Amino acid sequence: MGIEAKRIIVALDILDSRAALTLADQLIGVGLKWFKVGLGLWIHDGQRVVSTLRSRGARVFLDLKLHDIPHQVRLATQAAAELGVDLLTVHAAGGAEMMSAAAEGAAGKTRLLAITVLTSLDADPSEVVARADLASASGMDGVVCSPLEAEALRARHASPFLLVTPGVRPAGSARGDQRRVATPEQALSWGADHLVIGRPITQADDPCAVVQRLLNS
């Protein structure tokens, strides 16, 4: 039995919005629904990309990692909700007041994920747990964590609290700038809800073939 398509979020970390949307169309054709729009693509042409993805039936994870005063974050999450974004990230390091303001802005229309510790950094697992606990208490719908912390967090926070894991690398893929990594199968077995996979798919000679291998793995 393979990985369910709904569990995979493809990171469209491509500055060419036309190329990003063309790739998304190809991957929608093999069953994928979730796509991440990060800072680079957002600054390049973000609103059009988000609106186009939604018009094609895709779901959007807007990964802006908001970290600002509560008022600004409240406004930003309200804007994302009005745009129809499905998932949006804020930094847990911004604190409880900021995360609560984010929840007020989203008003239940957009689910919010708190960034614990970036997967490009080494992390003390206790710090990740503490930030996830604070996020839960502050009204977040889940967290972004590495696969290595997923099992401990799932033991503390049952579904529907979301665990979204970047740093996922299919067997044989290069780590790139990621430090805390695991395979898709490991991440799911440890409790991840969604796997964020970027370069192993987007930089492949045949992205659809990589996805098919994941779906059939």
Protein backbone atom coordinates (compact mmCIF):
# COMPACT_ATOMS: atom_id res chain seq x y z
CA MET A 1 0.00 0.00 0.00
CA GLY A 2 1.42 3.38 -1.02
CA ILE A 3 1.35 6.84 0.49
CA GLU A 4 -2.00 8.60 0.16
CA ALA A 5 -1.85 11.53 -2.24
CA LYS A 6 -3.61 13.79 0.27
CA ARG A 7 -0.68 13.41 2.67
CA ILE A 8 1.87 14.93 0.26
CA ILE A 9 2.42 18.70 0.00
CA VAL A 10 4.69 19.69 -2.87
CA ALA A 11 6.83 22.75 -2.13
CA LEU A 12 6.69 24.93 -5.24
CA ASP A 13 9.97 26.68 -4.45
CA ILE A 14 10.31 28.00 -7.99
CA LEU A 15 10.52 31.72 -8.76
CA ASP A 16 9.04 31.34 -12.26
CA SER A 17 5.31 31.40 -11.52
CA ARG A 18 4.41 30.02 -14.94
CA ALA A 19 6.75 27.06 -14.45
CA ALA A 20 5.40 26.52 -10.92
CA LEU A 21 1.81 26.40 -12.15
CA THR A 22 2.71 24.14 -15.06
CA LEU A 23 4.33 21.71 -12.64
CA ALA A 24 1.34 21.91 -10.35
CA ASP A 25 -0.96 21.06 -13.25
CA GLN A 26 1.15 18.00 -14.05
CA LEU A 27 1.07 16.82 -10.45
CA ILE A 28 -2.65 17.45 -10.11
CA GLY A 29 -2.92 15.13 -13.10
CA VAL A 30 -1.37 12.27 -11.10
CA GLY A 31 -3.59 12.86 -8.08
CA LEU A 32 -1.88 15.45 -5.88
CA LYS A 33 -3.90 18.26 -4.32
CA TRP A 34 -1.64 20.11 -1.88
CA PHE A 35 0.98 22.71 -2.83
CA LYS A 36 3.18 24.95 -0.69
CA VAL A 37 3.82 28.54 -1.70
CA GLY A 38 6.85 29.90 0.13
CA LEU A 39 8.41 33.31 0.51
CA GLY A 40 10.21 33.42 -2.83
CA LEU A 41 7.24 32.51 -5.00
CA TRP A 42 4.91 34.65 -2.85
CA ILE A 43 7.04 37.77 -3.37
CA HIS A 44 7.43 37.00 -7.08
CA ASP A 45 3.75 36.50 -7.93
CA GLY A 46 2.06 35.07 -4.87
CA GLN A 47 -1.54 36.20 -5.00
CA ARG A 48 -1.96 35.13 -8.62
CA VAL A 49 -0.36 31.75 -7.93
CA VAL A 50 -2.60 31.12 -4.91
CA SER A 51 -5.73 32.17 -6.77
CA THR A 52 -4.83 30.05 -9.79
CA LEU A 53 -4.11 26.98 -7.70
CA ARG A 54 -7.45 27.34 -5.94
CA SER A 55 -9.27 27.75 -9.26
CA ARG A 56 -7.81 24.42 -10.32
CA GLY A 57 -9.11 22.62 -7.26
CA ALA A 58 -5.80 22.54 -5.40
CA ARG A 59 -5.29 23.25 -1.72
CA VAL A 60 -2.75 25.87 -0.70
CA PHE A 61 -0.24 25.87 2.14
CA LEU A 62 1.07 29.44 2.37
CA ASP A 63 4.38 29.19 4.20
CA LEU A 64 5.24 32.77 5.17
CA LYS A 65 6.43 32.02 8.73
CA LEU A 66 4.89 35.19 10.12
CA HIS A 67 6.76 36.71 13.07
CA ASP A 68 5.78 40.27 13.93
CA ILE A 69 3.84 42.29 16.48
CA PRO A 70 0.39 40.82 17.19
CA HIS A 71 -1.49 43.55 15.28
CA GLN A 72 0.46 42.95 12.07
CA VAL A 73 0.09 39.18 12.32
CA ARG A 74 -3.66 39.49 12.94
CA LEU A 75 -3.98 41.56 9.75
CA ALA A 76 -1.85 39.13 7.75
CA THR A 77 -3.82 36.08 8.80
CA GLN A 78 -7.07 37.88 8.05
CA ALA A 79 -5.78 38.67 4.55
CA ALA A 80 -4.74 35.05 4.01
CA ALA A 81 -8.17 33.86 5.11
CA GLU A 82 -9.84 36.25 2.67
CA LEU A 83 -7.59 34.88 -0.10
CA GLY A 84 -8.81 31.36 0.65
CA VAL A 85 -5.53 29.89 1.88
CA ASP A 86 -5.98 26.47 3.55
CA LEU A 87 -2.87 26.46 5.77
CA LEU A 88 -0.66 29.34 6.92
CA THR A 89 2.47 29.37 9.08
CA VAL A 90 3.47 31.64 11.96
CA HIS A 91 6.53 31.35 14.19
CA ALA A 92 5.90 29.89 17.64
CA ALA A 93 8.87 31.98 18.79
CA GLY A 94 6.61 35.02 18.35
CA GLY A 95 4.90 34.05 21.58
CA ALA A 96 1.43 33.31 22.87
CA GLU A 97 -0.01 36.81 22.33
CA MET A 98 1.10 36.86 18.70
CA MET A 99 -0.28 33.38 18.00
CA SER A 100 -3.59 34.23 19.67
CA ALA A 101 -3.82 37.33 17.49
CA ALA A 102 -3.16 35.16 14.44
CA ALA A 103 -6.03 32.88 15.42
CA GLU A 104 -8.32 35.89 15.78
CA GLY A 105 -7.40 37.09 12.30
CA ALA A 106 -7.89 33.69 10.70
CA ALA A 107 -11.31 33.36 12.38
CA GLY A 108 -11.45 29.64 11.69
CA LYS A 109 -11.31 30.14 7.91
CA THR A 110 -7.63 29.26 7.53
CA ARG A 111 -5.86 26.67 9.66
CA LEU A 112 -2.72 27.94 11.35
CA LEU A 113 0.53 26.05 11.87
CA ALA A 114 3.21 27.21 14.27
CA ILE A 115 6.84 26.76 13.22
CA THR A 116 8.71 25.05 16.04
CA VAL A 117 12.40 24.92 14.95
CA LEU A 118 13.46 25.12 11.30
CA THR A 119 14.55 21.77 9.86
CA SER A 120 17.75 23.39 8.57
CA LEU A 121 18.88 23.75 12.20
CA ASP A 122 19.85 21.33 14.91
CA ALA A 123 17.26 21.33 17.68
CA ASP A 124 16.83 20.36 21.29
CA PRO A 125 13.75 18.10 21.23
CA SER A 126 12.53 19.65 24.48
CA GLU A 127 12.45 23.08 22.80
CA VAL A 128 10.32 21.69 19.98
CA VAL A 129 7.93 20.11 22.49
CA ALA A 130 7.66 23.34 24.52
CA ARG A 131 6.88 25.40 21.43
CA ALA A 132 4.28 22.88 20.26
CA ASP A 133 2.62 22.95 23.69
CA LEU A 134 2.53 26.77 23.60
CA ALA A 135 1.12 26.70 20.07
CA SER A 136 -1.67 24.34 21.10
CA ALA A 137 -2.54 26.50 24.10
CA SER A 138 -2.56 29.63 21.90
CA GLY A 139 -5.14 28.39 19.42
CA MET A 140 -2.94 27.00 16.65
CA ASP A 141 -4.33 24.12 14.58
CA GLY A 142 -0.99 22.33 14.50
CA VAL A 143 2.74 22.74 14.10
CA VAL A 144 5.52 22.34 11.61
CA CYS A 145 8.21 20.07 13.00
CA SER A 146 10.85 17.73 11.65
CA PRO A 147 9.92 14.06 11.32
CA LEU A 148 12.27 13.31 14.20
CA GLU A 149 9.98 15.06 16.70
CA ALA A 150 6.68 13.83 15.28
CA GLU A 151 6.35 10.77 17.48
CA ALA A 152 6.88 12.70 20.72
CA LEU A 153 4.48 15.45 19.65
CA ARG A 154 1.78 13.03 18.54
CA ALA A 155 1.94 11.35 21.94
CA ARG A 156 1.14 14.75 23.53
CA HIS A 157 -1.27 16.17 20.94
CA ALA A 158 -3.86 13.90 19.39
CA SER A 159 -5.57 14.44 16.05
CA PRO A 160 -6.98 16.80 14.76
CA PHE A 161 -3.89 18.76 15.91
CA LEU A 162 -1.83 18.73 12.72
CA LEU A 163 1.80 17.67 12.43
CA VAL A 164 3.30 18.85 9.14
CA THR A 165 6.82 17.69 8.46
CA PRO A 166 9.33 19.19 6.05
CA GLY A 167 12.76 17.60 5.93
CA VAL A 168 11.24 14.57 4.21
CA ARG A 169 13.59 12.88 1.79
CA PRO A 170 12.79 9.73 -0.21
CA ALA A 171 15.50 7.09 0.14
CA GLY A 172 18.54 8.08 -1.90
CA SER A 173 17.67 11.79 -2.13
CA ALA A 174 20.19 14.47 -1.19
CA ARG A 175 19.66 16.25 2.13
CA GLY A 176 20.43 19.68 0.70
CA ASP A 177 20.33 22.23 3.54
CA GLN A 178 18.09 20.06 5.71
CA ARG A 179 19.53 18.57 8.92
CA ARG A 180 16.69 16.78 10.68
CA VAL A 181 15.39 14.47 7.97
CA ALA A 182 13.64 11.15 7.50
CA THR A 183 12.01 9.12 4.74
CA PRO A 184 8.30 9.55 3.97
CA GLU A 185 7.54 6.14 5.46
CA GLN A 186 9.31 7.00 8.71
CA ALA A 187 7.58 10.37 9.03
CA LEU A 188 4.14 8.83 8.57
CA SER A 189 4.84 6.00 10.98
CA TRP A 190 5.85 8.54 13.63
CA GLY A 191 2.57 10.45 13.35
CA ALA A 192 2.95 13.09 10.62
CA ASP A 193 -0.26 14.19 8.92
CA HIS A 194 1.34 15.84 5.91
CA LEU A 195 4.76 15.50 4.30
CA VAL A 196 6.30 18.57 2.69
CA ILE A 197 8.51 17.46 -0.19
CA GLY A 198 10.16 19.97 -2.49
CA ARG A 199 13.43 19.52 -4.33
CA PRO A 200 13.31 15.70 -4.62
CA ILE A 201 10.19 16.28 -6.75
CA THR A 202 10.60 19.72 -8.30
CA GLN A 203 14.24 19.23 -9.37
CA ALA A 204 13.74 15.70 -10.70
CA ASP A 205 13.99 14.98 -14.42
CA ASP A 206 10.51 13.45 -14.20
CA PRO A 207 8.60 14.87 -11.20
CA CYS A 208 5.50 12.82 -11.96
CA ALA A 209 7.50 9.61 -11.89
CA VAL A 210 8.90 10.51 -8.46
CA VAL A 211 5.38 11.10 -7.20
CA GLN A 212 4.14 7.84 -8.66
CA ARG A 213 6.92 5.99 -6.83
CA LEU A 214 5.85 7.66 -3.58
CA LEU A 215 2.20 6.80 -4.15
CA ASN A 216 3.14 3.19 -4.88
CA SER A 217 5.91 2.80 -2.29
